[in-house]
PDB file of all heavy atoms in Angstrom:
ATOM      1  N   THR A   1     -18.376 -23.467 -48.316  1.00  0.00           N
ATOM      2  CA  THR A   1     -19.184 -22.898 -47.255  1.00  0.00           C
ATOM      3  C   THR A   1     -18.286 -22.317 -46.165  1.00  0.00           C
ATOM      4  O   THR A   1     -17.274 -22.917 -45.792  1.00  0.00           O
ATOM      5  CB  THR A   1     -20.120 -23.956 -46.647  1.00  0.00           C
ATOM      6  OG1 THR A   1     -20.999 -24.443 -47.673  1.00  0.00           O
ATOM      7  CG2 THR A   1     -20.955 -23.358 -45.530  1.00  0.00           C
ATOM      8  N   VAL A   2     -18.680 -21.149 -45.669  1.00  0.00           N
ATOM      9  CA  VAL A   2     -18.031 -20.502 -44.552  1.00  0.00           C
ATOM     10  C   VAL A   2     -19.005 -20.466 -43.379  1.00  0.00           C
ATOM     11  O   VAL A   2     -20.206 -20.233 -43.568  1.00  0.00           O
ATOM     12  CB  VAL A   2     -17.576 -19.081 -44.912  1.00  0.00           C
ATOM     13  CG1 VAL A   2     -16.964 -18.385 -43.702  1.00  0.00           C
ATOM     14  CG2 VAL A   2     -16.578 -19.115 -46.054  1.00  0.00           C
ATOM     15  N   TYR A   3     -18.502 -20.681 -42.174  1.00  0.00           N
ATOM     16  CA  TYR A   3     -19.332 -20.721 -40.981  1.00  0.00           C
ATOM     17  C   TYR A   3     -18.898 -19.630 -39.999  1.00  0.00           C
ATOM     18  O   TYR A   3     -17.733 -19.226 -39.963  1.00  0.00           O
ATOM     19  CB  TYR A   3     -19.227 -22.070 -40.285  1.00  0.00           C
ATOM     20  CG  TYR A   3     -19.606 -23.242 -41.162  1.00  0.00           C
ATOM     21  CD1 TYR A   3     -18.635 -23.977 -41.815  1.00  0.00           C
ATOM     22  CD2 TYR A   3     -20.932 -23.597 -41.333  1.00  0.00           C
ATOM     23  CE1 TYR A   3     -18.971 -25.045 -42.630  1.00  0.00           C
ATOM     24  CE2 TYR A   3     -21.285 -24.664 -42.144  1.00  0.00           C
ATOM     25  CZ  TYR A   3     -20.307 -25.393 -42.780  1.00  0.00           C
ATOM     26  OH  TYR A   3     -20.645 -26.449 -43.586  1.00  0.00           O
ATOM     27  N   LEU A   4     -19.848 -19.192 -39.190  1.00  0.00           N
ATOM     28  CA  LEU A   4     -19.563 -18.329 -38.072  1.00  0.00           C
ATOM     29  C   LEU A   4     -20.240 -18.917 -36.839  1.00  0.00           C
ATOM     30  O   LEU A   4     -21.449 -18.838 -36.699  1.00  0.00           O
ATOM     31  CB  LEU A   4     -20.035 -16.890 -38.310  1.00  0.00           C
ATOM     32  CG  LEU A   4     -19.635 -15.887 -37.229  1.00  0.00           C
ATOM     33  CD1 LEU A   4     -18.117 -15.674 -37.236  1.00  0.00           C
ATOM     34  CD2 LEU A   4     -20.348 -14.559 -37.424  1.00  0.00           C
ATOM     35  N   GLN A   5     -19.432 -19.541 -35.974  1.00  0.00           N
ATOM     36  CA  GLN A   5     -19.942 -20.075 -34.718  1.00  0.00           C
ATOM     37  C   GLN A   5     -19.943 -18.952 -33.690  1.00  0.00           C
ATOM     38  O   GLN A   5     -18.884 -18.367 -33.407  1.00  0.00           O
ATOM     39  CB  GLN A   5     -19.070 -21.237 -34.253  1.00  0.00           C
ATOM     40  CG  GLN A   5     -19.496 -21.833 -32.915  1.00  0.00           C
ATOM     41  CD  GLN A   5     -20.826 -22.524 -32.993  1.00  0.00           C
ATOM     42  OE1 GLN A   5     -21.077 -23.305 -33.909  1.00  0.00           O
ATOM     43  NE2 GLN A   5     -21.708 -22.252 -32.040  1.00  0.00           N
ATOM     44  N   MET A   6     -21.095 -18.647 -33.126  1.00  0.00           N
ATOM     45  CA  MET A   6     -21.269 -17.555 -32.192  1.00  0.00           C
ATOM     46  C   MET A   6     -21.678 -18.122 -30.833  1.00  0.00           C
ATOM     47  O   MET A   6     -22.751 -18.703 -30.697  1.00  0.00           O
ATOM     48  CB  MET A   6     -22.306 -16.566 -32.698  1.00  0.00           C
ATOM     49  CG  MET A   6     -22.017 -16.039 -34.103  1.00  0.00           C
ATOM     50  SD  MET A   6     -23.208 -14.770 -34.638  1.00  0.00           S
ATOM     51  CE  MET A   6     -24.705 -15.745 -34.661  1.00  0.00           C
ATOM     52  N   ASN A   7     -20.821 -17.958 -29.848  1.00  0.00           N
ATOM     53  CA  ASN A   7     -21.057 -18.426 -28.498  1.00  0.00           C
ATOM     54  C   ASN A   7     -21.153 -17.247 -27.543  1.00  0.00           C
ATOM     55  O   ASN A   7     -20.716 -16.134 -27.852  1.00  0.00           O
ATOM     56  CB  ASN A   7     -19.952 -19.369 -28.039  1.00  0.00           C
ATOM     57  CG  ASN A   7     -19.846 -20.619 -28.865  1.00  0.00           C
ATOM     58  OD1 ASN A   7     -20.845 -21.135 -29.374  1.00  0.00           O
ATOM     59  ND2 ASN A   7     -18.635 -21.134 -29.011  1.00  0.00           N
ATOM     60  N   SER A   8     -21.706 -17.497 -26.365  1.00  0.00           N
ATOM     61  CA  SER A   8     -21.837 -16.478 -25.315  1.00  0.00           C
ATOM     62  C   SER A   8     -22.459 -15.192 -25.894  1.00  0.00           C
ATOM     63  O   SER A   8     -21.962 -14.092 -25.655  1.00  0.00           O
ATOM     64  CB  SER A   8     -20.479 -16.184 -24.698  1.00  0.00           C
ATOM     65  OG  SER A   8     -19.918 -17.355 -24.134  1.00  0.00           O
ATOM     66  N   LEU A   9     -23.543 -15.348 -26.597  1.00  0.00           N
ATOM     67  CA  LEU A   9     -24.154 -14.218 -27.284  1.00  0.00           C
ATOM     68  C   LEU A   9     -24.706 -13.189 -26.305  1.00  0.00           C
ATOM     69  O   LEU A   9     -25.219 -13.549 -25.235  1.00  0.00           O
ATOM     70  CB  LEU A   9     -25.252 -14.692 -28.222  1.00  0.00           C
ATOM     71  CG  LEU A   9     -24.737 -15.308 -29.529  1.00  0.00           C
ATOM     72  CD1 LEU A   9     -25.826 -16.142 -30.205  1.00  0.00           C
ATOM     73  CD2 LEU A   9     -24.244 -14.205 -30.466  1.00  0.00           C
ATOM     74  N   LYS A  10     -24.596 -11.934 -26.691  1.00  0.00           N
ATOM     75  CA  LYS A  10     -25.078 -10.804 -25.905  1.00  0.00           C
ATOM     76  C   LYS A  10     -26.116 -10.045 -26.680  1.00  0.00           C
ATOM     77  O   LYS A  10     -26.126 -10.076 -27.910  1.00  0.00           O
ATOM     78  CB  LYS A  10     -23.903  -9.867 -25.576  1.00  0.00           C
ATOM     79  CG  LYS A  10     -22.705 -10.533 -24.931  1.00  0.00           C
ATOM     80  CD  LYS A  10     -21.542  -9.551 -24.827  1.00  0.00           C
ATOM     81  CE  LYS A  10     -20.327 -10.195 -24.211  1.00  0.00           C
ATOM     82  NZ  LYS A  10     -19.196  -9.254 -24.131  1.00  0.00           N
ATOM     83  N   PRO A  11     -27.010  -9.311 -25.996  1.00  0.00           N
ATOM     84  CA  PRO A  11     -27.978  -8.485 -26.732  1.00  0.00           C
ATOM     85  C   PRO A  11     -27.337  -7.528 -27.732  1.00  0.00           C
ATOM     86  O   PRO A  11     -27.917  -7.256 -28.779  1.00  0.00           O
ATOM     87  CB  PRO A  11     -28.700  -7.736 -25.613  1.00  0.00           C
ATOM     88  CG  PRO A  11     -28.630  -8.654 -24.450  1.00  0.00           C
ATOM     89  CD  PRO A  11     -27.270  -9.302 -24.544  1.00  0.00           C
ATOM     90  N   GLU A  12     -26.142  -7.040 -27.439  1.00  0.00           N
ATOM     91  CA  GLU A  12     -25.447  -6.138 -28.340  1.00  0.00           C
ATOM     92  C   GLU A  12     -24.999  -6.808 -29.626  1.00  0.00           C
ATOM     93  O   GLU A  12     -24.576  -6.134 -30.562  1.00  0.00           O
ATOM     94  CB  GLU A  12     -24.250  -5.501 -27.645  1.00  0.00           C
ATOM     95  CG  GLU A  12     -23.170  -6.489 -27.245  1.00  0.00           C
ATOM     96  CD  GLU A  12     -22.163  -5.922 -26.274  1.00  0.00           C
ATOM     97  OE1 GLU A  12     -22.548  -5.687 -25.096  1.00  0.00           O
ATOM     98  OE2 GLU A  12     -21.000  -5.683 -26.674  1.00  0.00           O
ATOM     99  N   ASP A  13     -25.078  -8.146 -29.694  1.00  0.00           N
ATOM    100  CA  ASP A  13     -24.767  -8.867 -30.928  1.00  0.00           C
ATOM    101  C   ASP A  13     -25.934  -8.868 -31.904  1.00  0.00           C
ATOM    102  O   ASP A  13     -25.781  -9.346 -33.031  1.00  0.00           O
ATOM    103  CB  ASP A  13     -24.365 -10.309 -30.612  1.00  0.00           C
ATOM    104  CG  ASP A  13     -23.075 -10.424 -29.840  1.00  0.00           C
ATOM    105  OD1 ASP A  13     -22.120  -9.685 -30.154  1.00  0.00           O
ATOM    106  OD2 ASP A  13     -23.018 -11.257 -28.905  1.00  0.00           O
ATOM    107  N   THR A  14     -27.087  -8.386 -31.482  1.00  0.00           N
ATOM    108  CA  THR A  14     -28.252  -8.340 -32.362  1.00  0.00           C
ATOM    109  C   THR A  14     -27.964  -7.498 -33.585  1.00  0.00           C
ATOM    110  O   THR A  14     -27.557  -6.336 -33.478  1.00  0.00           O
ATOM    111  CB  THR A  14     -29.464  -7.785 -31.620  1.00  0.00           C
ATOM    112  OG1 THR A  14     -29.828  -8.669 -30.560  1.00  0.00           O
ATOM    113  CG2 THR A  14     -30.654  -7.605 -32.543  1.00  0.00           C
ATOM    114  N   ALA A  15     -28.134  -8.079 -34.776  1.00  0.00           N
ATOM    115  CA  ALA A  15     -27.806  -7.398 -36.026  1.00  0.00           C
ATOM    116  C   ALA A  15     -28.190  -8.288 -37.191  1.00  0.00           C
ATOM    117  O   ALA A  15     -28.501  -9.469 -37.012  1.00  0.00           O
ATOM    118  CB  ALA A  15     -26.312  -7.065 -36.082  1.00  0.00           C
ATOM    119  N   VAL A  16     -28.143  -7.724 -38.369  1.00  0.00           N
ATOM    120  CA  VAL A  16     -28.187  -8.494 -39.595  1.00  0.00           C
ATOM    121  C   VAL A  16     -26.755  -8.860 -39.973  1.00  0.00           C
ATOM    122  O   VAL A  16     -25.903  -7.973 -40.119  1.00  0.00           O
ATOM    123  CB  VAL A  16     -28.865  -7.724 -40.749  1.00  0.00           C
ATOM    124  CG1 VAL A  16     -28.756  -8.513 -42.054  1.00  0.00           C
ATOM    125  CG2 VAL A  16     -30.322  -7.438 -40.419  1.00  0.00           C
ATOM    126  N   TYR A  17     -26.479 -10.141 -40.070  1.00  0.00           N
ATOM    127  CA  TYR A  17     -25.138 -10.634 -40.372  1.00  0.00           C
ATOM    128  C   TYR A  17     -25.044 -10.999 -41.844  1.00  0.00           C
ATOM    129  O   TYR A  17     -25.891 -11.721 -42.374  1.00  0.00           O
ATOM    130  CB  TYR A  17     -24.816 -11.852 -39.517  1.00  0.00           C
ATOM    131  CG  TYR A  17     -24.498 -11.506 -38.087  1.00  0.00           C
ATOM    132  CD1 TYR A  17     -25.507 -11.104 -37.223  1.00  0.00           C
ATOM    133  CD2 TYR A  17     -23.205 -11.592 -37.608  1.00  0.00           C
ATOM    134  CE1 TYR A  17     -25.219 -10.773 -35.899  1.00  0.00           C
ATOM    135  CE2 TYR A  17     -22.899 -11.265 -36.287  1.00  0.00           C
ATOM    136  CZ  TYR A  17     -23.922 -10.855 -35.444  1.00  0.00           C
ATOM    137  OH  TYR A  17     -23.612 -10.530 -34.137  1.00  0.00           O
ATOM    138  N   SER A  18     -23.991 -10.506 -42.500  1.00  0.00           N
ATOM    139  CA  SER A  18     -23.783 -10.743 -43.918  1.00  0.00           C
ATOM    140  C   SER A  18     -22.411 -11.345 -44.160  1.00  0.00           C
ATOM    141  O   SER A  18     -21.438 -10.958 -43.498  1.00  0.00           O
ATOM    142  CB  SER A  18     -23.894  -9.434 -44.713  1.00  0.00           C
ATOM    143  OG  SER A  18     -25.164  -8.826 -44.539  1.00  0.00           O
ATOM    144  N   CYS A  19     -22.338 -12.291 -45.087  1.00  0.00           N
ATOM    145  CA  CYS A  19     -21.035 -12.805 -45.486  1.00  0.00           C
ATOM    146  C   CYS A  19     -20.585 -12.119 -46.774  1.00  0.00           C
ATOM    147  O   CYS A  19     -21.389 -11.551 -47.515  1.00  0.00           O
ATOM    148  CB  CYS A  19     -21.062 -14.336 -45.658  1.00  0.00           C
ATOM    149  SG  CYS A  19     -22.064 -14.936 -47.024  1.00  0.00           S
ATOM    150  N   ALA A  20     -19.290 -12.170 -47.026  1.00  0.00           N
ATOM    151  CA  ALA A  20     -18.713 -11.492 -48.177  1.00  0.00           C
ATOM    152  C   ALA A  20     -17.482 -12.222 -48.649  1.00  0.00           C
ATOM    153  O   ALA A  20     -16.818 -12.927 -47.869  1.00  0.00           O
ATOM    154  CB  ALA A  20     -18.373 -10.042 -47.832  1.00  0.00           C
ATOM    155  N   ALA A  21     -17.166 -12.055 -49.920  1.00  0.00           N
ATOM    156  CA  ALA A  21     -15.987 -12.648 -50.540  1.00  0.00           C
ATOM    157  C   ALA A  21     -15.152 -11.563 -51.200  1.00  0.00           C
ATOM    158  O   ALA A  21     -15.689 -10.649 -51.839  1.00  0.00           O
ATOM    159  CB  ALA A  21     -16.386 -13.694 -51.564  1.00  0.00           C
ATOM    160  N   SER A  22     -13.836 -11.685 -51.041  1.00  0.00           N
ATOM    161  CA  SER A  22     -12.888 -10.738 -51.626  1.00  0.00           C
ATOM    162  C   SER A  22     -11.989 -11.467 -52.614  1.00  0.00           C
ATOM    163  O   SER A  22     -11.484 -12.558 -52.315  1.00  0.00           O
ATOM    164  CB  SER A  22     -12.040 -10.088 -50.547  1.00  0.00           C
ATOM    165  OG  SER A  22     -10.990  -9.308 -51.101  1.00  0.00           O
ATOM    166  N   ASP A  23     -11.780 -10.859 -53.766  1.00  0.00           N
ATOM    167  CA  ASP A  23     -10.870 -11.443 -54.765  1.00  0.00           C
ATOM    168  C   ASP A  23      -9.500 -10.762 -54.765  1.00  0.00           C
ATOM    169  O   ASP A  23      -8.725 -10.939 -55.691  1.00  0.00           O
ATOM    170  CB  ASP A  23     -11.480 -11.374 -56.164  1.00  0.00           C
ATOM    171  CG  ASP A  23     -11.879  -9.971 -56.590  1.00  0.00           C
ATOM    172  OD1 ASP A  23     -11.620  -9.012 -55.842  1.00  0.00           O
ATOM    173  OD2 ASP A  23     -12.432  -9.833 -57.686  1.00  0.00           O
ATOM    174  N   LEU A  24      -9.200 -10.005 -53.710  1.00  0.00           N
ATOM    175  CA  LEU A  24      -7.924  -9.302 -53.620  1.00  0.00           C
ATOM    176  C   LEU A  24      -6.800 -10.181 -53.120  1.00  0.00           C
ATOM    177  O   LEU A  24      -5.621  -9.804 -53.257  1.00  0.00           O
ATOM    178  CB  LEU A  24      -8.068  -8.080 -52.720  1.00  0.00           C
ATOM    179  CG  LEU A  24      -9.026  -6.997 -53.200  1.00  0.00           C
ATOM    180  CD1 LEU A  24      -9.087  -5.869 -52.185  1.00  0.00           C
ATOM    181  CD2 LEU A  24      -8.604  -6.479 -54.559  1.00  0.00           C
ATOM    182  N   GLY A  25      -7.118 -11.320 -52.528  1.00  0.00           N
ATOM    183  CA  GLY A  25      -6.103 -12.242 -52.061  1.00  0.00           C
ATOM    184  C   GLY A  25      -5.744 -12.060 -50.597  1.00  0.00           C
ATOM    185  O   GLY A  25      -5.777 -10.936 -50.073  1.00  0.00           O
ATOM    186  N   GLY A  26      -5.439 -13.152 -49.938  1.00  0.00           N
ATOM    187  CA  GLY A  26      -4.983 -13.107 -48.561  1.00  0.00           C
ATOM    188  C   GLY A  26      -6.118 -12.874 -47.569  1.00  0.00           C
ATOM    189  O   GLY A  26      -7.284 -13.058 -47.888  1.00  0.00           O
ATOM    190  N   LEU A  27      -5.742 -12.466 -46.378  1.00  0.00           N
ATOM    191  CA  LEU A  27      -6.679 -12.212 -45.293  1.00  0.00           C
ATOM    192  C   LEU A  27      -7.120 -10.762 -45.389  1.00  0.00           C
ATOM    193  O   LEU A  27      -6.331  -9.839 -45.194  1.00  0.00           O
ATOM    194  CB  LEU A  27      -6.025 -12.503 -43.957  1.00  0.00           C
ATOM    195  CG  LEU A  27      -6.907 -12.485 -42.714  1.00  0.00           C
ATOM    196  CD1 LEU A  27      -7.911 -13.627 -42.773  1.00  0.00           C
ATOM    197  CD2 LEU A  27      -6.050 -12.589 -41.465  1.00  0.00           C
ATOM    198  N   ARG A  28      -8.414 -10.532 -45.674  1.00  0.00           N
ATOM    199  CA  ARG A  28      -8.941  -9.187 -45.868  1.00  0.00           C
ATOM    200  C   ARG A  28      -9.741  -8.792 -44.643  1.00  0.00           C
ATOM    201  O   ARG A  28     -10.689  -9.479 -44.246  1.00  0.00           O
ATOM    202  CB  ARG A  28      -9.814  -9.128 -47.115  1.00  0.00           C
ATOM    203  CG  ARG A  28      -9.208  -9.778 -48.372  1.00  0.00           C
ATOM    204  CD  ARG A  28      -7.789  -9.344 -48.651  1.00  0.00           C
ATOM    205  NE  ARG A  28      -7.626  -7.901 -48.816  1.00  0.00           N
ATOM    206  CZ  ARG A  28      -6.517  -7.309 -49.229  1.00  0.00           C
ATOM    207  NH1 ARG A  28      -5.460  -8.053 -49.528  1.00  0.00           N
ATOM    208  NH2 ARG A  28      -6.475  -5.996 -49.339  1.00  0.00           N
ATOM    209  N   ARG A  29      -9.382  -7.668 -44.041  1.00  0.00           N
ATOM    210  CA  ARG A  29      -9.911  -7.270 -42.746  1.00  0.00           C
ATOM    211  C   ARG A  29     -10.712  -5.965 -42.789  1.00  0.00           C
ATOM    212  O   ARG A  29     -11.051  -5.435 -41.744  1.00  0.00           O
ATOM    213  CB  ARG A  29      -8.791  -7.124 -41.731  1.00  0.00           C
ATOM    214  CG  ARG A  29      -7.849  -8.346 -41.717  1.00  0.00           C
ATOM    215  CD  ARG A  29      -6.898  -8.304 -40.559  1.00  0.00           C
ATOM    216  NE  ARG A  29      -6.057  -7.130 -40.559  1.00  0.00           N
ATOM    217  CZ  ARG A  29      -5.179  -6.822 -39.615  1.00  0.00           C
ATOM    218  NH1 ARG A  29      -5.026  -7.668 -38.569  1.00  0.00           N
ATOM    219  NH2 ARG A  29      -4.450  -5.722 -39.671  1.00  0.00           N
ATOM    220  N   GLN A  30     -11.018  -5.461 -43.985  1.00  0.00           N
ATOM    221  CA  GLN A  30     -11.739  -4.212 -44.115  1.00  0.00           C
ATOM    222  C   GLN A  30     -12.931  -4.384 -45.058  1.00  0.00           C
ATOM    223  O   GLN A  30     -12.846  -5.104 -46.050  1.00  0.00           O
ATOM    224  CB  GLN A  30     -10.837  -3.105 -44.663  1.00  0.00           C
ATOM    225  CG  GLN A  30      -9.610  -2.844 -43.816  1.00  0.00           C
ATOM    226  CD  GLN A  30      -8.720  -1.788 -44.418  1.00  0.00           C
ATOM    227  OE1 GLN A  30      -9.031  -0.589 -44.359  1.00  0.00           O
ATOM    228  NE2 GLN A  30      -7.635  -2.219 -45.026  1.00  0.00           N
ATOM    229  N   LEU A  31     -14.034  -3.725 -44.756  1.00  0.00           N
ATOM    230  CA  LEU A  31     -15.243  -3.830 -45.564  1.00  0.00           C
ATOM    231  C   LEU A  31     -14.999  -3.472 -47.006  1.00  0.00           C
ATOM    232  O   LEU A  31     -15.539  -4.118 -47.914  1.00  0.00           O
ATOM    233  CB  LEU A  31     -16.343  -2.933 -44.979  1.00  0.00           C
ATOM    234  CG  LEU A  31     -16.950  -3.366 -43.652  1.00  0.00           C
ATOM    235  CD1 LEU A  31     -17.856  -2.284 -43.108  1.00  0.00           C
ATOM    236  CD2 LEU A  31     -17.726  -4.681 -43.809  1.00  0.00           C
ATOM    237  N   ARG A  32     -14.189  -2.456 -47.245  1.00  0.00           N
ATOM    238  CA  ARG A  32     -13.955  -1.976 -48.596  1.00  0.00           C
ATOM    239  C   ARG A  32     -13.180  -2.955 -49.454  1.00  0.00           C
ATOM    240  O   ARG A  32     -13.095  -2.765 -50.673  1.00  0.00           O
ATOM    241  CB  ARG A  32     -13.234  -0.628 -48.577  1.00  0.00           C
ATOM    242  CG  ARG A  32     -11.876  -0.660 -47.907  1.00  0.00           C
ATOM    243  CD  ARG A  32     -11.217   0.728 -48.003  1.00  0.00           C
ATOM    244  NE  ARG A  32     -10.005   0.817 -47.229  1.00  0.00           N
ATOM    245  CZ  ARG A  32      -9.940   1.265 -45.983  1.00  0.00           C
ATOM    246  NH1 ARG A  32     -11.040   1.650 -45.366  1.00  0.00           N
ATOM    247  NH2 ARG A  32      -8.763   1.319 -45.356  1.00  0.00           N
ATOM    248  N   ASP A  33     -12.598  -4.008 -48.884  1.00  0.00           N
ATOM    249  CA  ASP A  33     -11.864  -5.004 -49.639  1.00  0.00           C
ATOM    250  C   ASP A  33     -12.758  -6.055 -50.277  1.00  0.00           C
ATOM    251  O   ASP A  33     -12.291  -6.846 -51.100  1.00  0.00           O
ATOM    252  CB  ASP A  33     -10.856  -5.734 -48.747  1.00  0.00           C
ATOM    253  CG  ASP A  33      -9.711  -4.841 -48.299  1.00  0.00           C
ATOM    254  OD1 ASP A  33      -9.441  -3.835 -48.984  1.00  0.00           O
ATOM    255  OD2 ASP A  33      -9.083  -5.154 -47.269  1.00  0.00           O
ATOM    256  N   TYR A  34     -14.053  -6.063 -49.933  1.00  0.00           N
ATOM    257  CA  TYR A  34     -14.955  -7.128 -50.360  1.00  0.00           C
ATOM    258  C   TYR A  34     -15.794  -6.714 -51.541  1.00  0.00           C
ATOM    259  O   TYR A  34     -16.422  -5.648 -51.548  1.00  0.00           O
ATOM    260  CB  TYR A  34     -15.820  -7.584 -49.189  1.00  0.00           C
ATOM    261  CG  TYR A  34     -15.027  -8.372 -48.185  1.00  0.00           C
ATOM    262  CD1 TYR A  34     -14.319  -7.739 -47.188  1.00  0.00           C
ATOM    263  CD2 TYR A  34     -14.969  -9.762 -48.273  1.00  0.00           C
ATOM    264  CE1 TYR A  34     -13.551  -8.466 -46.294  1.00  0.00           C
ATOM    265  CE2 TYR A  34     -14.221 -10.488 -47.377  1.00  0.00           C
ATOM    266  CZ  TYR A  34     -13.509  -9.836 -46.394  1.00  0.00           C
ATOM    267  OH  TYR A  34     -12.741 -10.560 -45.502  1.00  0.00           O
ATOM    268  N   ARG A  35     -15.829  -7.592 -52.534  1.00  0.00           N
ATOM    269  CA  ARG A  35     -16.545  -7.325 -53.789  1.00  0.00           C
ATOM    270  C   ARG A  35     -17.916  -8.004 -53.822  1.00  0.00           C
ATOM    271  O   ARG A  35     -18.866  -7.428 -54.374  1.00  0.00           O
ATOM    272  CB  ARG A  35     -15.690  -7.824 -54.964  1.00  0.00           C
ATOM    273  CG  ARG A  35     -16.293  -7.612 -56.330  1.00  0.00           C
ATOM    274  CD  ARG A  35     -15.332  -8.095 -57.411  1.00  0.00           C
ATOM    275  NE  ARG A  35     -15.869  -7.920 -58.751  1.00  0.00           N
ATOM    276  CZ  ARG A  35     -15.732  -6.827 -59.465  1.00  0.00           C
ATOM    277  NH1 ARG A  35     -15.073  -5.776 -58.974  1.00  0.00           N
ATOM    278  NH2 ARG A  35     -16.255  -6.746 -60.690  1.00  0.00           N
ATOM    279  N   TYR A  36     -18.034  -9.209 -53.262  1.00  0.00           N
ATOM    280  CA  TYR A  36     -19.263 -10.008 -53.349  1.00  0.00           C
ATOM    281  C   TYR A  36     -19.908 -10.113 -51.988  1.00  0.00           C
ATOM    282  O   TYR A  36     -19.244 -10.397 -50.988  1.00  0.00           O
ATOM    283  CB  TYR A  36     -18.954 -11.395 -53.911  1.00  0.00           C
ATOM    284  CG  TYR A  36     -18.210 -11.355 -55.224  1.00  0.00           C
ATOM    285  CD1 TYR A  36     -16.840 -11.636 -55.269  1.00  0.00           C
ATOM    286  CD2 TYR A  36     -18.841 -11.017 -56.406  1.00  0.00           C
ATOM    287  CE1 TYR A  36     -16.136 -11.594 -56.480  1.00  0.00           C
ATOM    288  CE2 TYR A  36     -18.151 -10.962 -57.605  1.00  0.00           C
ATOM    289  CZ  TYR A  36     -16.811 -11.235 -57.625  1.00  0.00           C
ATOM    290  OH  TYR A  36     -16.116 -11.197 -58.818  1.00  0.00           O
ATOM    291  N   TRP A  37     -21.235  -9.935 -51.958  1.00  0.00           N
ATOM    292  CA  TRP A  37     -21.988  -9.883 -50.691  1.00  0.00           C
ATOM    293  C   TRP A  37     -23.239 -10.743 -50.737  1.00  0.00           C
ATOM    294  O   TRP A  37     -23.884 -10.836 -51.778  1.00  0.00           O
ATOM    295  CB  TRP A  37     -22.390  -8.445 -50.365  1.00  0.00           C
ATOM    296  CG  TRP A  37     -21.228  -7.576 -50.016  1.00  0.00           C
ATOM    297  CD1 TRP A  37     -20.374  -6.950 -50.881  1.00  0.00           C
ATOM    298  CD2 TRP A  37     -20.796  -7.225 -48.708  1.00  0.00           C
ATOM    299  NE1 TRP A  37     -19.426  -6.238 -50.187  1.00  0.00           N
ATOM    300  CE2 TRP A  37     -19.678  -6.382 -48.836  1.00  0.00           C
ATOM    301  CE3 TRP A  37     -21.261  -7.524 -47.431  1.00  0.00           C
ATOM    302  CZ2 TRP A  37     -19.001  -5.861 -47.738  1.00  0.00           C
ATOM    303  CZ3 TRP A  37     -20.595  -6.993 -46.334  1.00  0.00           C
ATOM    304  CH2 TRP A  37     -19.466  -6.173 -46.511  1.00  0.00           C
TER     305      TRP A  37
END
């Protein structure tokens, strides 16, 4: 399980939040690196 703790929330944070997994290895920081959603 992966968690996202969100504090001090602002109206601009309103969105649909999605998690994703990458099999490319390491720390992946770009949307295009993720295979599973």
